[in-house]
Amino acid sequence: PPDPCPAHIGVFQKLRKSECYFINGTEQVRLMEKQIYNWEQFAHFDSDVGAFVGDTLYWEKVARYWNSEQELMEYIRAAVDTYCRNNYEASTPFPVTR
């Protein structure tokens, strides 16, 4: 049968996924932000490392550039507080009570 959506040929997906890990409440918080293109992770940010890390040779160079951008690094490092810790109080009652 013919493809019902021939316009979707050559469609690619770029995704940024953020995950927060909580150890002992909000005492120790870890933020992992993964950069994904076509189901393949190409770079990630780990708040324990404090920098972007490239998962391939090309993206290592790009990660070094991202790490040199001071405003970007301040923003992403602040996300531990603004994104993870801020949402902890809102999401805690649901998983804890289950």
PDB file of N, CA and C in Angstrom:
ATOM      1  N   PRO A   1       0.835  -1.205   0.000  1.00  0.00           N
ATOM      2  CA  PRO A   1       0.000   0.000   0.000  1.00  0.00           C
ATOM      3  C   PRO A   1       0.866   1.250   0.000  1.00  0.00           C
ATOM      4  N   PRO A   2       0.381   2.319  -0.577  1.00  0.00           N
ATOM      5  CA  PRO A   2       1.149   3.574  -0.600  1.00  0.00           C
ATOM      6  C   PRO A   2       1.259   4.177   0.797  1.00  0.00           C
ATOM      7  N   ASP A   3       2.305   4.975   0.963  1.00  0.00           N
ATOM      8  CA  ASP A   3       2.529   5.658   2.242  1.00  0.00           C
ATOM      9  C   ASP A   3       1.416   6.680   2.450  1.00  0.00           C
ATOM     10  N   PRO A   4       0.715   6.635   3.599  1.00  0.00           N
ATOM     11  CA  PRO A   4      -0.383   7.582   3.816  1.00  0.00           C
ATOM     12  C   PRO A   4       0.089   9.023   3.982  1.00  0.00           C
ATOM     13  N   CYS A   5       1.339   9.221   4.339  1.00  0.00           N
ATOM     14  CA  CYS A   5       1.875  10.573   4.520  1.00  0.00           C
ATOM     15  C   CYS A   5       3.194  10.716   3.781  1.00  0.00           C
ATOM     16  N   PRO A   6       3.187  10.834   2.475  1.00  0.00           N
ATOM     17  CA  PRO A   6       4.450  10.941   1.749  1.00  0.00           C
ATOM     18  C   PRO A   6       5.215  12.219   2.082  1.00  0.00           C
ATOM     19  N   ALA A   7       4.541  13.208   2.670  1.00  0.00           N
ATOM     20  CA  ALA A   7       5.225  14.453   3.039  1.00  0.00           C
ATOM     21  C   ALA A   7       6.182  14.248   4.207  1.00  0.00           C
ATOM     22  N   HIS A   8       6.051  13.150   4.960  1.00  0.00           N
ATOM     23  CA  HIS A   8       6.900  12.910   6.121  1.00  0.00           C
ATOM     24  C   HIS A   8       8.200  12.192   5.779  1.00  0.00           C
ATOM     25  N   ILE A   9       8.454  11.953   4.530  1.00  0.00           N
ATOM     26  CA  ILE A   9       9.719  11.348   4.138  1.00  0.00           C
ATOM     27  C   ILE A   9      10.825  12.367   4.403  1.00  0.00           C
ATOM     28  N   GLY A  10      11.861  11.956   5.096  1.00  0.00           N
ATOM     29  CA  GLY A  10      12.963  12.860   5.406  1.00  0.00           C
ATOM     30  C   GLY A  10      12.728  13.721   6.628  1.00  0.00           C
ATOM     31  N   VAL A  11      11.773  13.361   7.467  1.00  0.00           N
ATOM     32  CA  VAL A  11      11.524  14.116   8.694  1.00  0.00           C
ATOM     33  C   VAL A  11      12.511  13.645   9.749  1.00  0.00           C
ATOM     34  N   PHE A  12      13.153  14.600  10.424  1.00  0.00           N
ATOM     35  CA  PHE A  12      14.120  14.288  11.451  1.00  0.00           C
ATOM     36  C   PHE A  12      13.638  14.855  12.771  1.00  0.00           C
ATOM     37  N   GLN A  13      14.118  14.288  13.844  1.00  0.00           N
ATOM     38  CA  GLN A  13      13.679  14.723  15.161  1.00  0.00           C
ATOM     39  C   GLN A  13      14.874  15.161  15.998  1.00  0.00           C
ATOM     40  N   LYS A  14      14.759  16.352  16.604  1.00  0.00           N
ATOM     41  CA  LYS A  14      15.761  16.839  17.551  1.00  0.00           C
ATOM     42  C   LYS A  14      15.049  16.995  18.886  1.00  0.00           C
ATOM     43  N   LEU A  15      15.674  16.481  19.920  1.00  0.00           N
ATOM     44  CA  LEU A  15      15.026  16.433  21.223  1.00  0.00           C
ATOM     45  C   LEU A  15      16.005  16.833  22.309  1.00  0.00           C
ATOM     46  N   ARG A  16      15.536  17.556  23.284  1.00  0.00           N
ATOM     47  CA  ARG A  16      16.318  17.876  24.481  1.00  0.00           C
ATOM     48  C   ARG A  16      15.537  17.332  25.671  1.00  0.00           C
ATOM     49  N   LYS A  17      16.168  16.430  26.408  1.00  0.00           N
ATOM     50  CA  LYS A  17      15.497  15.772  27.522  1.00  0.00           C
ATOM     51  C   LYS A  17      16.217  16.113  28.816  1.00  0.00           C
ATOM     52  N   SER A  18      15.467  16.614  29.778  1.00  0.00           N
ATOM     53  CA  SER A  18      16.037  16.979  31.076  1.00  0.00           C
ATOM     54  C   SER A  18      15.534  16.019  32.135  1.00  0.00           C
ATOM     55  N   GLU A  19      16.456  15.560  32.980  1.00  0.00           N
ATOM     56  CA  GLU A  19      16.108  14.648  34.064  1.00  0.00           C
ATOM     57  C   GLU A  19      16.736  15.159  35.355  1.00  0.00           C
ATOM     58  N   CYS A  20      15.957  15.129  36.427  1.00  0.00           N
ATOM     59  CA  CYS A  20      16.455  15.534  37.728  1.00  0.00           C
ATOM     60  C   CYS A  20      16.527  14.315  38.632  1.00  0.00           C
ATOM     61  N   TYR A  21      17.639  14.180  39.342  1.00  0.00           N
ATOM     62  CA  TYR A  21      17.829  13.096  40.293  1.00  0.00           C
ATOM     63  C   TYR A  21      17.990  13.707  41.678  1.00  0.00           C
ATOM     64  N   PHE A  22      17.201  13.212  42.633  1.00  0.00           N
ATOM     65  CA  PHE A  22      17.210  13.752  43.986  1.00  0.00           C
ATOM     66  C   PHE A  22      17.759  12.709  44.940  1.00  0.00           C
ATOM     67  N   ILE A  23      18.732  13.095  45.728  1.00  0.00           N
ATOM     68  CA  ILE A  23      19.316  12.225  46.736  1.00  0.00           C
ATOM     69  C   ILE A  23      19.092  12.896  48.087  1.00  0.00           C
ATOM     70  N   ASN A  24      18.391  12.211  48.960  1.00  0.00           N
ATOM     71  CA  ASN A  24      18.087  12.740  50.286  1.00  0.00           C
ATOM     72  C   ASN A  24      17.302  14.050  50.185  1.00  0.00           C
ATOM     73  N   GLY A  25      16.169  13.976  49.492  1.00  0.00           N
ATOM     74  CA  GLY A  25      15.349  15.174  49.277  1.00  0.00           C
ATOM     75  C   GLY A  25      16.036  16.113  48.313  1.00  0.00           C
ATOM     76  N   THR A  26      16.125  17.371  48.687  1.00  0.00           N
ATOM     77  CA  THR A  26      16.799  18.342  47.821  1.00  0.00           C
ATOM     78  C   THR A  26      18.213  18.634  48.310  1.00  0.00           C
ATOM     79  N   GLU A  27      18.719  17.781  49.203  1.00  0.00           N
ATOM     80  CA  GLU A  27      20.070  18.005  49.714  1.00  0.00           C
ATOM     81  C   GLU A  27      21.108  17.894  48.605  1.00  0.00           C
ATOM     82  N   GLN A  28      20.980  16.875  47.778  1.00  0.00           N
ATOM     83  CA  GLN A  28      21.879  16.726  46.626  1.00  0.00           C
ATOM     84  C   GLN A  28      21.020  16.512  45.392  1.00  0.00           C
ATOM     85  N   VAL A  29      21.106  17.416  44.437  1.00  0.00           N
ATOM     86  CA  VAL A  29      20.305  17.364  43.216  1.00  0.00           C
ATOM     87  C   VAL A  29      21.244  17.286  42.027  1.00  0.00           C
ATOM     88  N   ARG A  30      20.905  16.409  41.088  1.00  0.00           N
ATOM     89  CA  ARG A  30      21.705  16.247  39.878  1.00  0.00           C
ATOM     90  C   ARG A  30      20.804  16.462  38.667  1.00  0.00           C
ATOM     91  N   LEU A  31      21.233  17.312  37.759  1.00  0.00           N
ATOM     92  CA  LEU A  31      20.505  17.579  36.532  1.00  0.00           C
ATOM     93  C   LEU A  31      21.262  16.963  35.362  1.00  0.00           C
ATOM     94  N   MET A  32      20.566  16.164  34.572  1.00  0.00           N
ATOM     95  CA  MET A  32      21.116  15.607  33.335  1.00  0.00           C
ATOM     96  C   MET A  32      20.267  16.140  32.188  1.00  0.00           C
ATOM     97  N   GLU A  33      20.892  16.830  31.262  1.00  0.00           N
ATOM     98  CA  GLU A  33      20.180  17.312  30.076  1.00  0.00           C
ATOM     99  C   GLU A  33      20.803  16.658  28.864  1.00  0.00           C
ATOM    100  N   LYS A  34      20.011  15.880  28.142  1.00  0.00           N
ATOM    101  CA  LYS A  34      20.508  15.109  27.006  1.00  0.00           C
ATOM    102  C   LYS A  34      20.058  15.753  25.696  1.00  0.00           C
ATOM    103  N   GLN A  35      20.969  15.886  24.773  1.00  0.00           N
ATOM    104  CA  GLN A  35      20.687  16.402  23.434  1.00  0.00           C
ATOM    105  C   GLN A  35      20.613  15.200  22.496  1.00  0.00           C
ATOM    106  N   ILE A  36      19.480  15.014  21.823  1.00  0.00           N
ATOM    107  CA  ILE A  36      19.242  13.823  21.006  1.00  0.00           C
ATOM    108  C   ILE A  36      18.817  14.251  19.613  1.00  0.00           C
ATOM    109  N   TYR A  37      19.381  13.587  18.609  1.00  0.00           N
ATOM    110  CA  TYR A  37      19.001  13.826  17.217  1.00  0.00           C
ATOM    111  C   TYR A  37      18.801  12.474  16.551  1.00  0.00           C
ATOM    112  N   ASN A  38      17.597  12.249  16.018  1.00  0.00           N
ATOM    113  CA  ASN A  38      17.249  10.989  15.366  1.00  0.00           C
ATOM    114  C   ASN A  38      17.571   9.779  16.240  1.00  0.00           C
ATOM    115  N   TRP A  39      17.100   9.795  17.449  1.00  0.00           N
ATOM    116  CA  TRP A  39      17.227   8.688  18.396  1.00  0.00           C
ATOM    117  C   TRP A  39      18.661   8.441  18.845  1.00  0.00           C
ATOM    118  N   GLU A  40      19.562   9.345  18.588  1.00  0.00           N
ATOM    119  CA  GLU A  40      20.954   9.172  18.968  1.00  0.00           C
ATOM    120  C   GLU A  40      21.405  10.355  19.815  1.00  0.00           C
ATOM    121  N   GLN A  41      21.880  10.062  21.011  1.00  0.00           N
ATOM    122  CA  GLN A  41      22.354  11.126  21.895  1.00  0.00           C
ATOM    123  C   GLN A  41      23.701  11.619  21.381  1.00  0.00           C
ATOM    124  N   PHE A  42      23.809  12.941  21.196  1.00  0.00           N
ATOM    125  CA  PHE A  42      25.065  13.490  20.682  1.00  0.00           C
ATOM    126  C   PHE A  42      25.804  14.336  21.701  1.00  0.00           C
ATOM    127  N   ALA A  43      25.131  14.818  22.724  1.00  0.00           N
ATOM    128  CA  ALA A  43      25.792  15.612  23.771  1.00  0.00           C
ATOM    129  C   ALA A  43      24.906  15.598  25.004  1.00  0.00           C
ATOM    130  N   HIS A  44      25.518  15.890  26.160  1.00  0.00           N
ATOM    131  CA  HIS A  44      24.737  15.975  27.387  1.00  0.00           C
ATOM    132  C   HIS A  44      25.415  16.924  28.368  1.00  0.00           C
ATOM    133  N   PHE A  45      24.580  17.435  29.274  1.00  0.00           N
ATOM    134  CA  PHE A  45      25.069  18.272  30.367  1.00  0.00           C
ATOM    135  C   PHE A  45      24.835  17.517  31.656  1.00  0.00           C
ATOM    136  N   ASP A  46      25.851  17.454  32.487  1.00  0.00           N
ATOM    137  CA  ASP A  46      25.757  16.799  33.786  1.00  0.00           C
ATOM    138  C   ASP A  46      26.122  17.844  34.834  1.00  0.00           C
ATOM    139  N   SER A  47      25.199  18.143  35.743  1.00  0.00           N
ATOM    140  CA  SER A  47      25.474  19.192  36.733  1.00  0.00           C
ATOM    141  C   SER A  47      26.584  18.783  37.702  1.00  0.00           C
ATOM    142  N   ASP A  48      26.811  17.489  37.886  1.00  0.00           N
ATOM    143  CA  ASP A  48      27.933  17.058  38.728  1.00  0.00           C
ATOM    144  C   ASP A  48      29.266  17.400  38.072  1.00  0.00           C
ATOM    145  N   VAL A  49      29.319  17.321  36.740  1.00  0.00           N
ATOM    146  CA  VAL A  49      30.520  17.712  35.994  1.00  0.00           C
ATOM    147  C   VAL A  49      30.554  19.224  35.843  1.00  0.00           C
ATOM    148  N   GLY A  50      29.379  19.834  35.632  1.00  0.00           N
ATOM    149  CA  GLY A  50      29.279  21.280  35.485  1.00  0.00           C
ATOM    150  C   GLY A  50      29.571  21.773  34.089  1.00  0.00           C
ATOM    151  N   ALA A  51      29.472  20.876  33.101  1.00  0.00           N
ATOM    152  CA  ALA A  51      29.789  21.257  31.726  1.00  0.00           C
ATOM    153  C   ALA A  51      29.097  20.311  30.752  1.00  0.00           C
ATOM    154  N   PHE A  52      29.005  20.771  29.506  1.00  0.00           N
ATOM    155  CA  PHE A  52      28.515  19.911  28.440  1.00  0.00           C
ATOM    156  C   PHE A  52      29.607  18.938  28.040  1.00  0.00           C
ATOM    157  N   VAL A  53      29.198  17.743  27.656  1.00  0.00           N
ATOM    158  CA  VAL A  53      30.124  16.714  27.199  1.00  0.00           C
ATOM    159  C   VAL A  53      29.623  16.207  25.854  1.00  0.00           C
ATOM    160  N   GLY A  54      30.503  16.178  24.852  1.00  0.00           N
ATOM    161  CA  GLY A  54      30.145  15.647  23.543  1.00  0.00           C
ATOM    162  C   GLY A  54      30.313  14.137  23.510  1.00  0.00           C
ATOM    163  N   ASP A  55      29.382  13.457  22.876  1.00  0.00           N
ATOM    164  CA  ASP A  55      29.437  12.002  22.819  1.00  0.00           C
ATOM    165  C   ASP A  55      30.117  11.479  21.555  1.00  0.00           C
ATOM    166  N   THR A  56      30.444  12.372  20.625  1.00  0.00           N
ATOM    167  CA  THR A  56      31.225  12.009  19.439  1.00  0.00           C
ATOM    168  C   THR A  56      32.328  13.049  19.270  1.00  0.00           C
ATOM    169  N   LEU A  57      33.277  12.776  18.386  1.00  0.00           N
ATOM    170  CA  LEU A  57      34.392  13.715  18.186  1.00  0.00           C
ATOM    171  C   LEU A  57      33.906  15.095  17.763  1.00  0.00           C
ATOM    172  N   TYR A  58      32.981  15.136  16.807  1.00  0.00           N
ATOM    173  CA  TYR A  58      32.481  16.433  16.338  1.00  0.00           C
ATOM    174  C   TYR A  58      31.798  17.186  17.477  1.00  0.00           C
ATOM    175  N   TRP A  59      30.948  16.497  18.220  1.00  0.00           N
ATOM    176  CA  TRP A  59      30.182  17.167  19.269  1.00  0.00           C
ATOM    177  C   TRP A  59      31.027  17.505  20.478  1.00  0.00           C
ATOM    178  N   GLU A  60      32.196  16.906  20.620  1.00  0.00           N
ATOM    179  CA  GLU A  60      33.123  17.345  21.666  1.00  0.00           C
ATOM    180  C   GLU A  60      33.575  18.780  21.399  1.00  0.00           C
ATOM    181  N   LYS A  61      33.817  19.096  20.121  1.00  0.00           N
ATOM    182  CA  LYS A  61      34.201  20.468  19.751  1.00  0.00           C
ATOM    183  C   LYS A  61      33.051  21.436  20.011  1.00  0.00           C
ATOM    184  N   VAL A  62      31.840  21.012  19.662  1.00  0.00           N
ATOM    185  CA  VAL A  62      30.665  21.853  19.885  1.00  0.00           C
ATOM    186  C   VAL A  62      30.450  22.053  21.388  1.00  0.00           C
ATOM    187  N   ALA A  63      30.632  21.001  22.174  1.00  0.00           N
ATOM    188  CA  ALA A  63      30.467  21.098  23.624  1.00  0.00           C
ATOM    189  C   ALA A  63      31.490  22.070  24.221  1.00  0.00           C
ATOM    190  N   ARG A  64      32.717  22.057  23.703  1.00  0.00           N
ATOM    191  CA  ARG A  64      33.717  23.027  24.188  1.00  0.00           C
ATOM    192  C   ARG A  64      33.265  24.452  23.911  1.00  0.00           C
ATOM    193  N   TYR A  65      32.671  24.661  22.738  1.00  0.00           N
ATOM    194  CA  TYR A  65      32.160  25.999  22.397  1.00  0.00           C
ATOM    195  C   TYR A  65      31.024  26.378  23.354  1.00  0.00           C
ATOM    196  N   TRP A  66      30.079  25.458  23.579  1.00  0.00           N
ATOM    197  CA  TRP A  66      28.974  25.742  24.497  1.00  0.00           C
ATOM    198  C   TRP A  66      29.508  26.073  25.880  1.00  0.00           C
ATOM    199  N   ASN A  67      30.530  25.333  26.328  1.00  0.00           N
ATOM    200  CA  ASN A  67      31.097  25.563  27.650  1.00  0.00           C
ATOM    201  C   ASN A  67      31.795  26.914  27.749  1.00  0.00           C
ATOM    202  N   SER A  68      32.224  27.470  26.625  1.00  0.00           N
ATOM    203  CA  SER A  68      32.882  28.780  26.634  1.00  0.00           C
ATOM    204  C   SER A  68      31.883  29.932  26.670  1.00  0.00           C
ATOM    205  N   GLU A  69      30.623  29.656  26.398  1.00  0.00           N
ATOM    206  CA  GLU A  69      29.574  30.682  26.420  1.00  0.00           C
ATOM    207  C   GLU A  69      29.117  30.898  27.870  1.00  0.00           C
ATOM    208  N   GLN A  70      29.540  31.993  28.480  1.00  0.00           N
ATOM    209  CA  GLN A  70      29.282  32.231  29.901  1.00  0.00           C
ATOM    210  C   GLN A  70      27.798  32.340  30.243  1.00  0.00           C
ATOM    211  N   GLU A  71      27.029  33.048  29.411  1.00  0.00           N
ATOM    212  CA  GLU A  71      25.600  33.211  29.693  1.00  0.00           C
ATOM    213  C   GLU A  71      24.865  31.877  29.639  1.00  0.00           C
ATOM    214  N   LEU A  72      25.202  31.062  28.661  1.00  0.00           N
ATOM    215  CA  LEU A  72      24.577  29.745  28.540  1.00  0.00           C
ATOM    216  C   LEU A  72      24.904  28.882  29.752  1.00  0.00           C
ATOM    217  N   MET A  73      26.160  28.906  30.182  1.00  0.00           N
ATOM    218  CA  MET A  73      26.565  28.084  31.315  1.00  0.00           C
ATOM    219  C   MET A  73      25.916  28.564  32.619  1.00  0.00           C
ATOM    220  N   GLU A  74      25.777  29.862  32.805  1.00  0.00           N
ATOM    221  CA  GLU A  74      25.087  30.378  33.984  1.00  0.00           C
ATOM    222  C   GLU A  74      23.626  29.936  33.989  1.00  0.00           C
ATOM    223  N   TYR A  75      22.999  29.997  32.816  1.00  0.00           N
ATOM    224  CA  TYR A  75      21.591  29.610  32.689  1.00  0.00           C
ATOM    225  C   TYR A  75      21.409  28.126  33.004  1.00  0.00           C
ATOM    226  N   ILE A  76      22.236  27.275  32.423  1.00  0.00           N
ATOM    227  CA  ILE A  76      22.058  25.834  32.597  1.00  0.00           C
ATOM    228  C   ILE A  76      22.429  25.400  34.012  1.00  0.00           C
ATOM    229  N   ARG A  77      23.421  26.034  34.598  1.00  0.00           N
ATOM    230  CA  ARG A  77      23.777  25.691  35.986  1.00  0.00           C
ATOM    231  C   ARG A  77      22.687  26.148  36.959  1.00  0.00           C
ATOM    232  N   ALA A  78      22.036  27.264  36.659  1.00  0.00           N
ATOM    233  CA  ALA A  78      20.942  27.749  37.507  1.00  0.00           C
ATOM    234  C   ALA A  78      19.701  26.874  37.380  1.00  0.00           C
ATOM    235  N   ALA A  79      19.618  26.081  36.326  1.00  0.00           N
ATOM    236  CA  ALA A  79      18.456  25.215  36.129  1.00  0.00           C
ATOM    237  C   ALA A  79      18.326  24.173  37.233  1.00  0.00           C
ATOM    238  N   VAL A  80      19.408  23.840  37.901  1.00  0.00           N
ATOM    239  CA  VAL A  80      19.323  22.914  39.031  1.00  0.00           C
ATOM    240  C   VAL A  80      18.374  23.478  40.078  1.00  0.00           C
ATOM    241  N   ASP A  81      18.465  24.774  40.328  1.00  0.00           N
ATOM    242  CA  ASP A  81      17.568  25.397  41.304  1.00  0.00           C
ATOM    243  C   ASP A  81      16.212  25.740  40.698  1.00  0.00           C
ATOM    244  N   THR A  82      16.222  26.390  39.534  1.00  0.00           N
ATOM    245  CA  THR A  82      14.970  26.885  38.959  1.00  0.00           C
ATOM    246  C   THR A  82      14.099  25.773  38.391  1.00  0.00           C
ATOM    247  N   TYR A  83      14.696  24.698  37.909  1.00  0.00           N
ATOM    248  CA  TYR A  83      13.922  23.620  37.291  1.00  0.00           C
ATOM    249  C   TYR A  83      13.747  22.448  38.257  1.00  0.00           C
ATOM    250  N   CYS A  84      14.825  21.931  38.776  1.00  0.00           N
ATOM    251  CA  CYS A  84      14.745  20.725  39.615  1.00  0.00           C
ATOM    252  C   CYS A  84      14.192  21.011  41.006  1.00  0.00           C
ATOM    253  N   ARG A  85      14.855  21.848  41.755  1.00  0.00           N
ATOM    254  CA  ARG A  85      14.420  22.097  43.141  1.00  0.00           C
ATOM    255  C   ARG A  85      13.046  22.748  43.184  1.00  0.00           C
ATOM    256  N   ASN A  86      12.769  23.624  42.234  1.00  0.00           N
ATOM    257  CA  ASN A  86      11.480  24.304  42.198  1.00  0.00           C
ATOM    258  C   ASN A  86      10.347  23.307  41.948  1.00  0.00           C
ATOM    259  N   ASN A  87      10.575  22.333  41.081  1.00  0.00           N
ATOM    260  CA  ASN A  87       9.533  21.360  40.766  1.00  0.00           C
ATOM    261  C   ASN A  87       9.478  20.209  41.763  1.00  0.00           C
ATOM    262  N   TYR A  88      10.465  20.090  42.624  1.00  0.00           N
ATOM    263  CA  TYR A  88      10.483  18.996  43.598  1.00  0.00           C
ATOM    264  C   TYR A  88       9.279  19.067  44.533  1.00  0.00           C
ATOM    265  N   GLU A  89       8.994  20.242  45.057  1.00  0.00           N
ATOM    266  CA  GLU A  89       7.882  20.379  45.977  1.00  0.00           C
ATOM    267  C   GLU A  89       6.547  20.068  45.307  1.00  0.00           C
ATOM    268  N   ALA A  90       6.409  20.413  44.036  1.00  0.00           N
ATOM    269  CA  ALA A  90       5.151  20.167  43.336  1.00  0.00           C
ATOM    270  C   ALA A  90       4.973  18.691  42.991  1.00  0.00           C
ATOM    271  N   SER A  91       6.066  17.995  42.670  1.00  0.00           N
ATOM    272  CA  SER A  91       5.945  16.610  42.225  1.00  0.00           C
ATOM    273  C   SER A  91       6.134  15.589  43.344  1.00  0.00           C
ATOM    274  N   THR A  92       6.639  15.997  44.495  1.00  0.00           N
ATOM    275  CA  THR A  92       6.933  15.050  45.573  1.00  0.00           C
ATOM    276  C   THR A  92       5.696  14.331  46.115  1.00  0.00           C
ATOM    277  N   PRO A  93       4.606  15.005  46.404  1.00  0.00           N
ATOM    278  CA  PRO A  93       3.480  14.283  46.996  1.00  0.00           C
ATOM    279  C   PRO A  93       2.986  13.120  46.139  1.00  0.00           C
ATOM    280  N   PHE A  94       3.017  13.251  44.839  1.00  0.00           N
ATOM    281  CA  PHE A  94       2.481  12.192  43.974  1.00  0.00           C
ATOM    282  C   PHE A  94       3.318  10.919  44.040  1.00  0.00           C
ATOM    283  N   PRO A  95       4.656  10.949  43.763  1.00  0.00           N
ATOM    284  CA  PRO A  95       5.394   9.690  43.814  1.00  0.00           C
ATOM    285  C   PRO A  95       5.605   9.150  45.219  1.00  0.00           C
ATOM    286  N   VAL A  96       5.671  10.020  46.221  1.00  0.00           N
ATOM    287  CA  VAL A  96       5.938   9.562  47.585  1.00  0.00           C
ATOM    288  C   VAL A  96       4.730   8.814  48.145  1.00  0.00           C
ATOM    289  N   THR A  97       3.523   9.271  47.822  1.00  0.00           N
ATOM    290  CA  THR A  97       2.328   8.629  48.367  1.00  0.00           C
ATOM    291  C   THR A  97       1.996   7.328  47.669  1.00  0.00           C
ATOM    292  N   ARG A  98       2.618   7.037  46.556  1.00  0.00           N
ATOM    293  CA  ARG A  98       2.335   5.774  45.854  1.00  0.00           C
ATOM    294  C   ARG A  98       3.179   4.714  46.402  1.00  0.00           C
TER     295      ARG A  98
END
